[in-house]
Amino acid sequence: MQRPLTRALAVGAAAALAASALIASAPTAAAAEPDAAKAANYLVTNLPSPDAGAGIAITTALGLASTGDCSYAPTLRRLAQRLENKAKGYLFNEDGDVNQARAANMAIAVTALGLNPRAFAGYDLLTLVKQDLPADGQIGPSKSAFSQSLGIIALDKGKAQSIPVTMLTNLLSQQDDSGAFGYTFEGTFTADPDTTGLSLVALDAIGELDPQVASAVGWAKDNQTDDGYWEAYSPVDSTGLLGSALEAAGENVDNAKTWLGSVQHEDGGFPNSLDAGTASDAMTTANALLLLSGKTALDVSIDLSSCAANPASLPASSTSCTGVWVVVDRGNGQATTRCATSYRTGLKALKSAGLTVGDDNGFVNRINGYPYNLDATWSKYWGYWYANPNPDGSWGEWQSYNVGAAQSAPKKGAAEGWYYGGFSSTSALKPPPAGYSSSPTPTISGTAKYTKTLTAKPGTWTPKPTLKLQWYRSGKAISKATKTTYKLTKSDIGKTITVKVTASGSGLQTVAKTSKATAKVVK
């Protein structure tokens, strides 16, 4: 149980305990090369809730910022706002005493986002790191090399004028003869890969400590498994933190990256345990991103002020469609599913779905003004995909088009997909809502006569949706007539009666079917 204790000693128990709650629905593991873009996209679509601790928001922000990609600026700005809102409760205990380790942790993230750690949420975070520092230079309430490393990294990253020597000597005192760094709990020292990784980053910040670095690197190599990871409470976290630190120290960590690829889930996230069936976890995925992006807490950097303003929201998703479905995913957690009623080409389908298109001779480069700045390196672009429905209502796999949107010819009932990101043989797009293999037209039983009761029979829908009924009198909805049965009234005399059944549900299309009309109601 090393990781939660390490985190608790460093920045407080609340953040450690909250980390276990950041679990998404269980995905399927995929044996493939690690994909940083999919990991980042998992984070933006599975952000910690606003009620989660500031420490988890910090870790998530660092993971996303490690990509250096302005596509994630909207999410990073949202996380920065959360940190502002939570700063006071995170930085100070009930007695008003500052936790220097937490101040350092927040300062690292704030600086990484291009914000000012000297004036964040009304606090000078760098001053708080050194505030009330004891004679031995201990950072935080407990003796931990993790806390000491946070303090050193924060001050160096924030370009503080000086780093107290006692902070460094305290850190070095927590490196044992094996070369490992760790934490002391109830008088017992525990070597820890997470802590060793962060300590290596702190040593890099100080510089000119080659013997200590070499010793820590030696311990890391000796304790790496043959598969490429480090055994700990959460192997992915440890591999992300220690692997990225080793790479910064000039070591080859290709085997660690390859191992990450073997445990990355289809949803792009990473599990915090190697137990079968463990779902993806936001904090773990953020730490894995450090290694995938080749960054450490010391050099993660993205200047949010230089990123374009947050793009306008995409139009709301449709749940029903009698033409061609159009799915647009910006690759940053913002997506929509729309319906096109005009679809002679892919370009016409996009426009018919209510989306604006920027194109260069038929090549789509912007959708609803996104991205603001075109990628001149072509590492990211709008990929164009299509999918066809299966007989059971589910969707077939997304397939890449072999022609441009100006030359394609979408088919009614099919789906067009647009995803902004790097090339991938498998699209990250989610399919439109599923259809139905059985969607019967409802029937009405009973006699069309005043005071008699009619009964609607909706039939059997597959898959099973939620059904809503509405009775109509000569085409006009009858107020409050939404049950399976309907008793005919004087108002119905001389009119015909129909019933409409509307099917819907999570992940399912909204489909309406109307019965044949009854004979005119008689007295």
Protein backbone atom coordinates (compact mmCIF):
# COMPACT_ATOMS: atom_id res chain seq x y z
CA MET A 1 0.00 0.00 0.00
CA GLN A 2 2.82 2.39 -0.80
CA ARG A 3 1.17 4.91 -3.09
CA PRO A 4 -1.70 6.13 -0.86
CA LEU A 5 0.63 6.48 2.12
CA THR A 6 3.18 8.35 0.03
CA ARG A 7 0.54 10.77 -1.22
CA ALA A 8 -0.93 11.20 2.26
CA LEU A 9 2.44 12.03 3.74
CA ALA A 10 3.17 14.45 0.93
CA VAL A 11 0.01 16.44 0.43
CA GLY A 12 -2.58 15.13 2.87
CA ALA A 13 -4.75 12.07 3.37
CA ALA A 14 -7.83 13.56 1.71
CA ALA A 15 -6.28 13.64 -1.75
CA ALA A 16 -5.05 10.07 -1.38
CA LEU A 17 -8.37 8.71 -0.27
CA ALA A 18 -10.28 10.61 -2.95
CA ALA A 19 -8.09 9.12 -5.68
CA SER A 20 -9.71 5.73 -5.26
CA ALA A 21 -13.09 7.20 -6.24
CA LEU A 22 -12.02 8.36 -9.70
CA ILE A 23 -13.15 5.23 -11.50
CA ALA A 24 -14.95 5.07 -14.82
CA SER A 25 -16.90 2.20 -16.36
CA ALA A 26 -14.79 -0.91 -16.88
CA PRO A 27 -13.22 -0.96 -20.38
CA THR A 28 -11.42 -3.66 -22.27
CA ALA A 29 -7.63 -3.82 -22.20
CA ALA A 30 -5.84 -3.41 -25.50
CA ALA A 31 -2.37 -4.68 -26.36
CA ALA A 32 -1.00 -1.84 -28.49
CA GLU A 33 1.51 0.97 -28.54
CA PRO A 34 0.69 3.55 -25.84
CA ASP A 35 -1.38 6.40 -27.17
CA ALA A 36 -0.92 9.75 -25.42
CA ALA A 37 -3.77 11.41 -27.33
CA LYS A 38 -6.26 8.73 -26.26
CA ALA A 39 -5.04 9.03 -22.67
CA ALA A 40 -5.52 12.80 -22.73
CA ASN A 41 -8.96 12.43 -24.29
CA TYR A 42 -9.90 9.97 -21.57
CA LEU A 43 -8.99 12.59 -18.97
CA VAL A 44 -11.07 15.38 -20.50
CA THR A 45 -14.11 13.11 -20.70
CA ASN A 46 -13.60 11.66 -17.20
CA LEU A 47 -12.55 14.67 -15.18
CA PRO A 48 -12.67 14.42 -11.39
CA SER A 49 -15.93 15.85 -10.13
CA PRO A 50 -15.90 19.44 -8.84
CA ASP A 51 -16.29 17.97 -5.34
CA ALA A 52 -13.06 16.00 -5.63
CA GLY A 53 -9.96 17.28 -3.87
CA ALA A 54 -7.64 19.94 -5.23
CA GLY A 55 -4.76 17.44 -5.22
CA ILE A 56 -6.50 15.29 -7.83
CA ALA A 57 -7.26 18.34 -9.97
CA ILE A 58 -3.56 19.26 -9.80
CA THR A 59 -2.45 15.81 -10.97
CA THR A 60 -4.99 15.84 -13.80
CA ALA A 61 -3.91 19.32 -14.88
CA LEU A 62 -0.23 18.31 -14.97
CA GLY A 63 -1.05 15.24 -17.05
CA LEU A 64 -2.99 17.24 -19.63
CA ALA A 65 -0.48 20.08 -19.63
CA SER A 66 2.31 17.59 -20.38
CA THR A 67 0.91 17.24 -23.91
CA GLY A 68 1.61 20.95 -24.56
CA ASP A 69 -1.54 20.89 -26.70
CA CYS A 70 -3.81 23.95 -26.73
CA SER A 71 -6.70 21.67 -27.72
CA TYR A 72 -7.01 20.94 -24.01
CA ALA A 73 -6.93 24.60 -22.96
CA PRO A 74 -10.69 24.73 -22.18
CA THR A 75 -10.35 21.83 -19.75
CA LEU A 76 -7.15 23.21 -18.23
CA ARG A 77 -8.81 26.59 -17.67
CA ARG A 78 -11.67 24.83 -15.92
CA LEU A 79 -9.23 22.94 -13.68
CA ALA A 80 -7.37 26.18 -12.91
CA GLN A 81 -10.66 27.75 -11.82
CA ARG A 82 -11.33 24.79 -9.55
CA LEU A 83 -7.92 25.25 -7.95
CA GLU A 84 -8.68 28.91 -7.32
CA ASN A 85 -11.95 27.99 -5.67
CA LYS A 86 -10.36 25.30 -3.49
CA ALA A 87 -7.07 27.04 -2.69
CA LYS A 88 -7.79 28.18 0.86
CA GLY A 89 -9.15 24.85 2.07
CA TYR A 90 -6.31 22.98 0.38
CA LEU A 91 -3.44 25.14 1.56
CA PHE A 92 -4.40 25.67 5.20
CA ASN A 93 -5.59 23.38 7.98
CA GLU A 94 -8.39 24.17 10.42
CA ASP A 95 -5.97 26.05 12.67
CA GLY A 96 -4.87 28.25 9.78
CA ASP A 97 -1.42 26.63 9.48
CA VAL A 98 -0.05 26.31 5.98
CA ASN A 99 0.86 22.93 4.50
CA GLN A 100 4.05 23.75 2.58
CA ALA A 101 3.88 20.53 0.55
CA ARG A 102 0.43 21.41 -0.72
CA ALA A 103 1.53 24.94 -1.51
CA ALA A 104 4.39 23.46 -3.53
CA ASN A 105 2.11 21.01 -5.30
CA MET A 106 -0.25 23.81 -6.32
CA ALA A 107 2.62 26.10 -7.32
CA ILE A 108 3.99 23.43 -9.69
CA ALA A 109 0.64 23.11 -11.46
CA VAL A 110 -0.03 26.85 -11.57
CA THR A 111 3.41 27.53 -13.06
CA ALA A 112 2.97 24.68 -15.55
CA LEU A 113 -0.20 26.36 -16.83
CA GLY A 114 1.60 29.63 -17.44
CA LEU A 115 -0.11 31.31 -14.48
CA ASN A 116 1.58 33.36 -11.78
CA PRO A 117 2.37 31.37 -8.61
CA ARG A 118 3.18 34.65 -6.85
CA ALA A 119 -0.43 35.79 -7.17
CA PHE A 120 -2.81 32.87 -7.43
CA ALA A 121 -6.18 32.94 -5.68
CA GLY A 122 -4.82 35.77 -3.55
CA TYR A 123 -1.74 33.84 -2.35
CA ASP A 124 1.98 33.91 -3.02
CA LEU A 125 2.41 30.15 -3.30
CA LEU A 126 6.21 30.27 -3.45
CA THR A 127 6.37 32.24 -0.22
CA LEU A 128 3.98 29.73 1.39
CA VAL A 129 6.37 26.89 0.45
CA LYS A 130 8.99 28.42 2.77
CA GLN A 131 6.61 29.85 5.37
CA ASP A 132 7.13 28.60 8.94
CA LEU A 133 9.85 26.27 7.68
CA PRO A 134 11.39 24.37 10.64
CA ALA A 135 15.12 24.36 11.31
CA ASP A 136 15.60 21.02 9.56
CA GLY A 137 13.91 22.30 6.38
CA GLN A 138 11.09 19.76 6.48
CA ILE A 139 8.34 20.45 3.95
CA GLY A 140 4.86 19.48 5.09
CA PRO A 141 3.65 17.88 8.33
CA SER A 142 5.43 14.53 7.86
CA LYS A 143 8.97 13.49 6.96
CA SER A 144 8.82 12.45 3.32
CA ALA A 145 11.21 12.81 0.40
CA PHE A 146 8.12 13.25 -1.79
CA SER A 147 7.20 16.43 0.10
CA GLN A 148 10.77 17.69 0.03
CA SER A 149 10.94 17.13 -3.72
CA LEU A 150 7.69 19.03 -4.28
CA GLY A 151 9.13 22.02 -2.43
CA ILE A 152 12.40 22.05 -4.36
CA ILE A 153 10.70 21.58 -7.75
CA ALA A 154 8.14 24.31 -7.01
CA LEU A 155 10.78 26.87 -6.04
CA ASP A 156 13.01 26.06 -9.02
CA LYS A 157 10.13 25.96 -11.50
CA GLY A 158 8.73 29.22 -10.14
CA LYS A 159 12.18 30.85 -10.36
CA ALA A 160 12.30 31.65 -6.65
CA GLN A 161 15.40 33.60 -5.65
CA SER A 162 16.75 30.84 -3.46
CA ILE A 163 16.10 27.32 -2.25
CA PRO A 164 16.95 26.85 1.45
CA VAL A 165 19.91 24.51 1.89
CA THR A 166 18.07 22.74 4.70
CA MET A 167 15.39 21.62 2.23
CA LEU A 168 18.05 19.88 0.14
CA THR A 169 19.91 18.33 3.08
CA ASN A 170 16.59 17.04 4.41
CA LEU A 171 15.88 15.42 1.03
CA LEU A 172 19.33 13.84 0.81
CA SER A 173 18.95 12.43 4.32
CA GLN A 174 16.05 10.35 3.02
CA GLN A 175 18.09 8.47 0.41
CA ASP A 176 19.15 5.11 1.82
CA ASP A 177 22.26 3.08 1.01
CA SER A 178 20.48 1.31 -1.87
CA GLY A 179 19.98 4.64 -3.61
CA ALA A 180 16.22 4.74 -3.11
CA PHE A 181 14.24 7.63 -1.72
CA GLY A 182 11.17 7.05 0.35
CA TYR A 183 9.32 8.04 3.48
CA THR A 184 9.56 7.32 7.17
CA PHE A 185 6.49 6.11 9.01
CA GLU A 186 6.57 5.24 12.71
CA GLY A 187 10.35 5.20 12.59
CA THR A 188 10.59 2.82 9.61
CA PHE A 189 11.98 3.87 6.24
CA THR A 190 10.22 2.57 3.13
CA ALA A 191 11.83 2.75 -0.30
CA ASP A 192 9.28 3.92 -2.85
CA PRO A 193 9.43 4.17 -6.67
CA ASP A 194 7.06 7.18 -6.87
CA THR A 195 9.15 9.06 -4.33
CA THR A 196 12.41 8.05 -5.99
CA GLY A 197 11.08 9.34 -9.31
CA LEU A 198 10.07 12.72 -7.92
CA SER A 199 13.33 12.96 -5.96
CA LEU A 200 15.30 12.43 -9.17
CA VAL A 201 13.40 15.37 -10.65
CA ALA A 202 14.27 17.49 -7.60
CA LEU A 203 17.95 16.50 -7.90
CA ASP A 204 17.79 17.56 -11.54
CA ALA A 205 16.44 20.94 -10.43
CA ILE A 206 19.37 21.42 -8.02
CA GLY A 207 22.06 20.06 -10.37
CA GLU A 208 25.62 18.94 -9.60
CA LEU A 209 24.49 15.93 -7.55
CA ASP A 210 25.71 13.21 -9.88
CA PRO A 211 26.55 10.60 -7.17
CA GLN A 212 23.08 10.80 -5.66
CA VAL A 213 21.46 10.69 -9.10
CA ALA A 214 23.55 7.69 -10.16
CA SER A 215 22.66 5.86 -6.96
CA ALA A 216 18.92 6.51 -7.41
CA VAL A 217 19.07 5.47 -11.07
CA GLY A 218 20.87 2.27 -10.08
CA TRP A 219 18.15 1.42 -7.54
CA ALA A 220 15.47 2.09 -10.15
CA LYS A 221 17.10 -0.20 -12.71
CA ASP A 222 17.60 -2.96 -10.14
CA ASN A 223 13.95 -2.83 -9.10
CA GLN A 224 12.33 -2.60 -12.52
CA THR A 225 10.50 -5.81 -13.47
CA ASP A 226 11.38 -7.76 -16.58
CA ASP A 227 8.10 -6.51 -18.10
CA GLY A 228 9.26 -2.91 -17.70
CA TYR A 229 7.20 -1.61 -14.76
CA TRP A 230 7.81 -0.97 -11.08
CA GLU A 231 5.88 -2.95 -8.52
CA ALA A 232 3.89 -0.74 -6.17
CA TYR A 233 0.34 -0.17 -5.02
CA SER A 234 -0.33 1.33 -8.45
CA PRO A 235 2.30 0.13 -10.96
CA VAL A 236 1.14 2.50 -13.71
CA ASP A 237 1.48 5.55 -11.46
CA SER A 238 4.94 4.47 -10.37
CA THR A 239 6.01 3.69 -13.93
CA GLY A 240 4.80 7.07 -15.16
CA LEU A 241 6.54 9.02 -12.40
CA LEU A 242 9.79 7.06 -12.18
CA GLY A 243 10.01 6.29 -15.90
CA SER A 244 9.70 9.95 -16.87
CA ALA A 245 12.34 10.90 -14.30
CA LEU A 246 14.75 8.28 -15.64
CA GLU A 247 14.22 9.47 -19.20
CA ALA A 248 15.00 13.03 -18.10
CA ALA A 249 18.20 11.63 -16.56
CA GLY A 250 19.19 10.25 -19.96
CA GLU A 251 18.13 6.63 -19.46
CA ASN A 252 16.36 4.50 -22.07
CA VAL A 253 12.86 3.67 -20.85
CA ASP A 254 11.38 2.21 -24.03
CA ASN A 255 10.47 -1.00 -22.19
CA ALA A 256 8.47 0.99 -19.63
CA LYS A 257 6.57 2.75 -22.42
CA THR A 258 5.91 -0.53 -24.18
CA TRP A 259 4.52 -1.98 -20.96
CA LEU A 260 2.21 1.02 -20.59
CA GLY A 261 0.86 0.24 -24.05
CA SER A 262 0.05 -3.30 -22.93
CA VAL A 263 -2.17 -2.12 -20.07
CA GLN A 264 -3.82 0.92 -21.67
CA HIS A 265 -7.56 0.40 -21.99
CA GLU A 266 -9.65 0.88 -25.11
CA ASP A 267 -11.08 4.06 -23.59
CA GLY A 268 -7.55 5.49 -23.46
CA GLY A 269 -7.27 5.36 -19.67
CA PHE A 270 -5.02 3.33 -17.39
CA PRO A 271 -5.93 1.19 -14.35
CA ASN A 272 -4.55 1.83 -10.86
CA SER A 273 -4.24 -1.91 -10.29
CA LEU A 274 -3.16 -4.86 -12.42
CA ASP A 275 -6.07 -6.94 -11.14
CA ALA A 276 -8.25 -8.18 -14.00
CA GLY A 277 -11.26 -5.99 -14.69
CA THR A 278 -9.88 -2.88 -12.98
CA ALA A 279 -11.38 0.19 -14.63
CA SER A 280 -9.52 3.25 -15.85
CA ASP A 281 -8.55 5.85 -13.27
CA ALA A 282 -8.05 9.59 -13.89
CA MET A 283 -5.14 10.14 -11.50
CA THR A 284 -3.29 7.08 -12.82
CA THR A 285 -3.84 8.13 -16.42
CA ALA A 286 -2.48 11.60 -15.69
CA ASN A 287 0.73 10.15 -14.23
CA ALA A 288 1.10 7.78 -17.19
CA LEU A 289 0.85 10.78 -19.52
CA LEU A 290 4.05 12.22 -18.05
CA LEU A 291 6.05 9.31 -19.43
CA LEU A 292 4.08 9.15 -22.70
CA SER A 293 4.69 12.88 -23.25
CA GLY A 294 8.33 12.75 -22.12
CA LYS A 295 7.80 15.31 -19.35
CA THR A 296 8.38 15.61 -15.61
CA ALA A 297 6.88 17.96 -13.05
CA LEU A 298 9.90 20.21 -13.66
CA ASP A 299 9.42 20.79 -17.38
CA VAL A 300 5.66 20.41 -17.93
CA SER A 301 4.65 23.71 -19.47
CA ILE A 302 1.79 25.19 -21.45
CA ASP A 303 1.03 28.91 -21.54
CA LEU A 304 -2.75 29.14 -21.45
CA SER A 305 -2.61 32.82 -22.30
CA SER A 306 -1.08 31.94 -25.67
CA CYS A 307 -3.81 29.40 -26.44
CA ALA A 308 -6.82 30.63 -28.37
CA ALA A 309 -9.98 31.49 -26.48
CA ASN A 310 -12.26 28.58 -25.71
CA PRO A 311 -14.09 27.58 -28.91
CA ALA A 312 -17.83 28.05 -29.17
CA SER A 313 -19.89 25.11 -27.99
CA LEU A 314 -20.98 22.55 -30.53
CA PRO A 315 -24.74 22.31 -31.15
CA ALA A 316 -26.65 19.88 -28.95
CA SER A 317 -26.81 16.23 -30.01
CA SER A 318 -29.79 14.76 -31.82
CA THR A 319 -31.40 11.52 -30.68
CA SER A 320 -33.37 10.74 -33.82
CA CYS A 321 -32.51 10.81 -37.50
CA THR A 322 -34.20 9.82 -40.74
CA GLY A 323 -31.24 10.83 -42.89
CA VAL A 324 -27.52 10.50 -42.16
CA TRP A 325 -25.97 10.74 -38.71
CA VAL A 326 -23.05 13.16 -38.36
CA VAL A 327 -20.68 12.72 -35.40
CA VAL A 328 -18.14 15.47 -34.70
CA ASP A 329 -15.50 15.05 -31.98
CA ARG A 330 -12.94 17.77 -31.39
CA GLY A 331 -10.66 15.31 -29.60
CA ASN A 332 -10.69 17.38 -26.44
CA GLY A 333 -13.84 16.15 -24.75
CA GLN A 334 -16.21 18.23 -26.89
CA ALA A 335 -18.39 16.22 -29.25
CA THR A 336 -21.84 16.18 -30.76
CA THR A 337 -24.04 13.84 -32.80
CA ARG A 338 -26.32 15.51 -35.33
CA CYS A 339 -28.68 14.57 -38.14
CA ALA A 340 -28.30 15.57 -41.77
CA THR A 341 -31.35 15.54 -44.04
CA SER A 342 -29.35 16.62 -47.07
CA TYR A 343 -26.34 14.40 -47.73
CA ARG A 344 -25.38 14.15 -51.38
CA THR A 345 -21.77 14.59 -50.21
CA GLY A 346 -20.03 14.61 -46.84
CA LEU A 347 -19.67 18.40 -47.07
CA LYS A 348 -23.41 18.80 -47.59
CA ALA A 349 -24.09 16.44 -44.69
CA LEU A 350 -21.94 18.54 -42.34
CA LYS A 351 -23.71 21.73 -43.31
CA SER A 352 -27.14 20.12 -43.21
CA ALA A 353 -26.37 18.95 -39.65
CA GLY A 354 -26.06 22.60 -38.61
CA LEU A 355 -22.25 22.84 -38.59
CA THR A 356 -20.09 25.45 -40.26
CA VAL A 357 -17.30 24.19 -42.44
CA GLY A 358 -13.94 25.63 -43.40
CA ASP A 359 -12.51 23.84 -46.41
CA ASP A 360 -9.68 24.11 -48.87
CA ASN A 361 -10.78 22.71 -52.24
CA GLY A 362 -13.00 20.18 -50.50
CA PHE A 363 -10.52 19.35 -47.76
CA VAL A 364 -12.13 20.12 -44.40
CA ASN A 365 -9.77 22.03 -42.12
CA ARG A 366 -12.20 23.61 -39.63
CA ILE A 367 -15.57 22.58 -38.23
CA ASN A 368 -17.48 25.26 -36.32
CA GLY A 369 -14.30 27.34 -36.33
CA TYR A 370 -12.18 24.62 -34.71
CA PRO A 371 -9.21 24.57 -34.56
CA TYR A 372 -8.47 28.28 -34.54
CA ASN A 373 -4.87 27.66 -35.54
CA LEU A 374 -4.23 25.05 -38.20
CA ASP A 375 -1.46 22.56 -37.46
CA ALA A 376 1.21 23.23 -40.06
CA THR A 377 3.00 19.99 -39.13
CA TRP A 378 -0.09 17.88 -39.94
CA SER A 379 0.33 16.00 -36.67
CA LYS A 380 -3.36 16.76 -36.08
CA TYR A 381 -6.18 17.21 -38.57
CA TRP A 382 -9.85 16.36 -39.12
CA GLY A 383 -10.03 12.64 -39.89
CA TYR A 384 -13.03 11.47 -41.90
CA TRP A 385 -14.80 8.18 -41.10
CA TYR A 386 -18.00 6.29 -41.81
CA ALA A 387 -19.97 3.51 -40.13
CA ASN A 388 -22.97 1.42 -41.14
CA PRO A 389 -25.75 0.12 -38.92
CA ASN A 390 -26.05 -3.60 -38.14
CA PRO A 391 -29.37 -5.47 -38.43
CA ASP A 392 -29.70 -5.56 -34.63
CA GLY A 393 -29.52 -1.78 -34.38
CA SER A 394 -25.91 -1.60 -33.21
CA TRP A 395 -23.19 0.06 -35.27
CA GLY A 396 -20.40 -1.47 -37.28
CA GLU A 397 -16.80 -0.36 -36.82
CA TRP A 398 -15.76 3.10 -37.96
CA GLN A 399 -13.81 2.94 -41.22
CA SER A 400 -11.64 5.61 -42.78
CA TYR A 401 -12.87 7.15 -46.03
CA ASN A 402 -10.72 6.75 -49.10
CA VAL A 403 -12.08 9.95 -50.62
CA GLY A 404 -12.56 13.50 -49.41
CA ALA A 405 -15.81 14.91 -48.09
CA ALA A 406 -16.50 16.67 -51.39
CA GLN A 407 -16.42 13.36 -53.27
CA SER A 408 -18.07 11.00 -50.74
CA ALA A 409 -21.66 9.83 -51.12
CA PRO A 410 -23.16 9.03 -47.69
CA LYS A 411 -26.04 6.54 -47.60
CA LYS A 412 -29.28 7.08 -45.75
CA GLY A 413 -29.16 5.53 -42.27
CA ALA A 414 -25.35 5.47 -42.16
CA ALA A 415 -23.06 7.63 -40.02
CA GLU A 416 -20.40 10.15 -40.99
CA GLY A 417 -17.64 10.73 -38.42
CA TRP A 418 -15.21 13.61 -37.93
CA TYR A 419 -12.40 13.41 -35.38
CA TYR A 420 -9.70 16.02 -34.79
CA GLY A 421 -6.43 14.37 -33.83
CA GLY A 422 -3.43 12.42 -35.07
CA PHE A 423 -3.66 9.50 -37.45
CA SER A 424 -5.03 6.32 -35.93
CA SER A 425 -6.00 3.04 -37.56
CA THR A 426 -8.90 2.89 -35.13
CA SER A 427 -11.07 5.94 -34.68
CA ALA A 428 -11.71 7.28 -31.19
CA LEU A 429 -15.19 8.33 -32.27
CA LYS A 430 -18.20 7.10 -30.37
CA PRO A 431 -21.03 5.77 -32.55
CA PRO A 432 -24.44 7.44 -32.79
CA PRO A 433 -27.19 6.11 -30.54
CA ALA A 434 -28.18 2.53 -31.35
CA GLY A 435 -31.28 1.69 -33.33
CA TYR A 436 -33.74 -1.16 -32.92
CA SER A 437 -33.92 -4.56 -34.57
CA SER A 438 -37.62 -4.58 -33.79
CA SER A 439 -39.68 -1.36 -33.79
CA PRO A 440 -43.31 -2.31 -34.39
CA THR A 441 -46.10 0.05 -35.29
CA PRO A 442 -48.58 0.19 -32.40
CA THR A 443 -52.12 -1.07 -32.82
CA ILE A 444 -55.41 -0.12 -31.16
CA SER A 445 -58.02 -2.60 -29.94
CA GLY A 446 -61.56 -1.79 -28.89
CA THR A 447 -64.70 -0.27 -30.38
CA ALA A 448 -64.71 3.33 -31.61
CA LYS A 449 -67.85 4.24 -29.73
CA TYR A 450 -68.61 6.92 -27.13
CA THR A 451 -67.87 5.71 -23.50
CA LYS A 452 -65.95 2.68 -24.78
CA THR A 453 -62.31 2.16 -23.85
CA LEU A 454 -59.55 1.76 -26.42
CA THR A 455 -56.31 -0.11 -25.65
CA ALA A 456 -52.93 0.59 -27.22
CA LYS A 457 -50.65 -2.32 -27.99
CA PRO A 458 -47.09 -0.99 -28.56
CA GLY A 459 -45.61 -4.38 -29.47
CA THR A 460 -42.19 -5.68 -28.51
CA TRP A 461 -39.22 -3.38 -29.12
CA THR A 462 -35.67 -4.76 -29.26
CA PRO A 463 -33.51 -3.69 -27.51
CA LYS A 464 -35.98 -2.75 -24.79
CA PRO A 465 -36.43 1.04 -24.53
CA THR A 466 -38.56 3.32 -22.40
CA LEU A 467 -41.91 3.80 -24.13
CA LYS A 468 -44.13 6.87 -23.91
CA LEU A 469 -47.68 6.95 -25.30
CA GLN A 470 -49.77 9.82 -26.56
CA TRP A 471 -53.35 9.58 -27.86
CA TYR A 472 -54.54 11.85 -30.69
CA ARG A 473 -57.98 13.03 -31.82
CA SER A 474 -57.97 13.55 -35.58
CA GLY A 475 -54.30 14.40 -35.42
CA LYS A 476 -54.38 16.64 -32.34
CA ALA A 477 -52.88 15.49 -29.04
CA ILE A 478 -55.45 14.78 -26.34
CA SER A 479 -54.51 16.43 -23.06
CA LYS A 480 -53.31 14.00 -20.36
CA ALA A 481 -54.08 10.96 -22.54
CA THR A 482 -50.76 9.16 -22.07
CA LYS A 483 -51.76 5.77 -20.64
CA THR A 484 -52.16 2.43 -22.36
CA THR A 485 -55.93 2.80 -22.28
CA TYR A 486 -58.17 5.69 -23.33
CA LYS A 487 -61.89 6.11 -22.62
CA LEU A 488 -63.72 7.84 -25.44
CA THR A 489 -65.55 11.10 -24.62
CA LYS A 490 -68.17 13.31 -26.30
CA SER A 491 -65.34 15.34 -27.84
CA ASP A 492 -64.27 12.25 -29.79
CA ILE A 493 -67.61 11.72 -31.56
CA GLY A 494 -67.13 12.05 -35.29
CA LYS A 495 -63.33 12.04 -34.96
CA THR A 496 -60.71 9.36 -35.57
CA ILE A 497 -58.28 8.22 -32.85
CA THR A 498 -54.62 7.32 -33.16
CA VAL A 499 -51.87 6.55 -30.65
CA LYS A 500 -48.18 7.38 -30.96
CA VAL A 501 -45.49 5.38 -29.21
CA THR A 502 -42.10 7.06 -28.68
CA ALA A 503 -39.15 4.85 -27.77
CA SER A 504 -35.97 6.20 -26.17
CA GLY A 505 -33.30 5.30 -23.66
CA SER A 506 -29.66 5.73 -22.71
CA GLY A 507 -27.54 5.03 -25.80
CA LEU A 508 -30.67 4.43 -27.88
CA GLN A 509 -32.25 6.42 -30.65
CA THR A 510 -35.54 8.21 -30.14
CA VAL A 511 -38.03 6.67 -32.56
CA ALA A 512 -41.75 7.36 -32.83
CA LYS A 513 -44.37 5.12 -34.44
CA THR A 514 -48.04 6.02 -34.92
CA SER A 515 -50.90 3.56 -35.26
CA LYS A 516 -53.48 3.46 -38.00
CA ALA A 517 -56.50 5.59 -37.26
CA THR A 518 -59.69 4.08 -35.91
CA ALA A 519 -62.99 4.51 -37.63
CA LYS A 520 -64.84 7.70 -36.73
CA VAL A 521 -66.13 7.49 -33.19
CA VAL A 522 -69.91 7.04 -33.01
CA LYS A 523 -72.43 7.70 -30.25
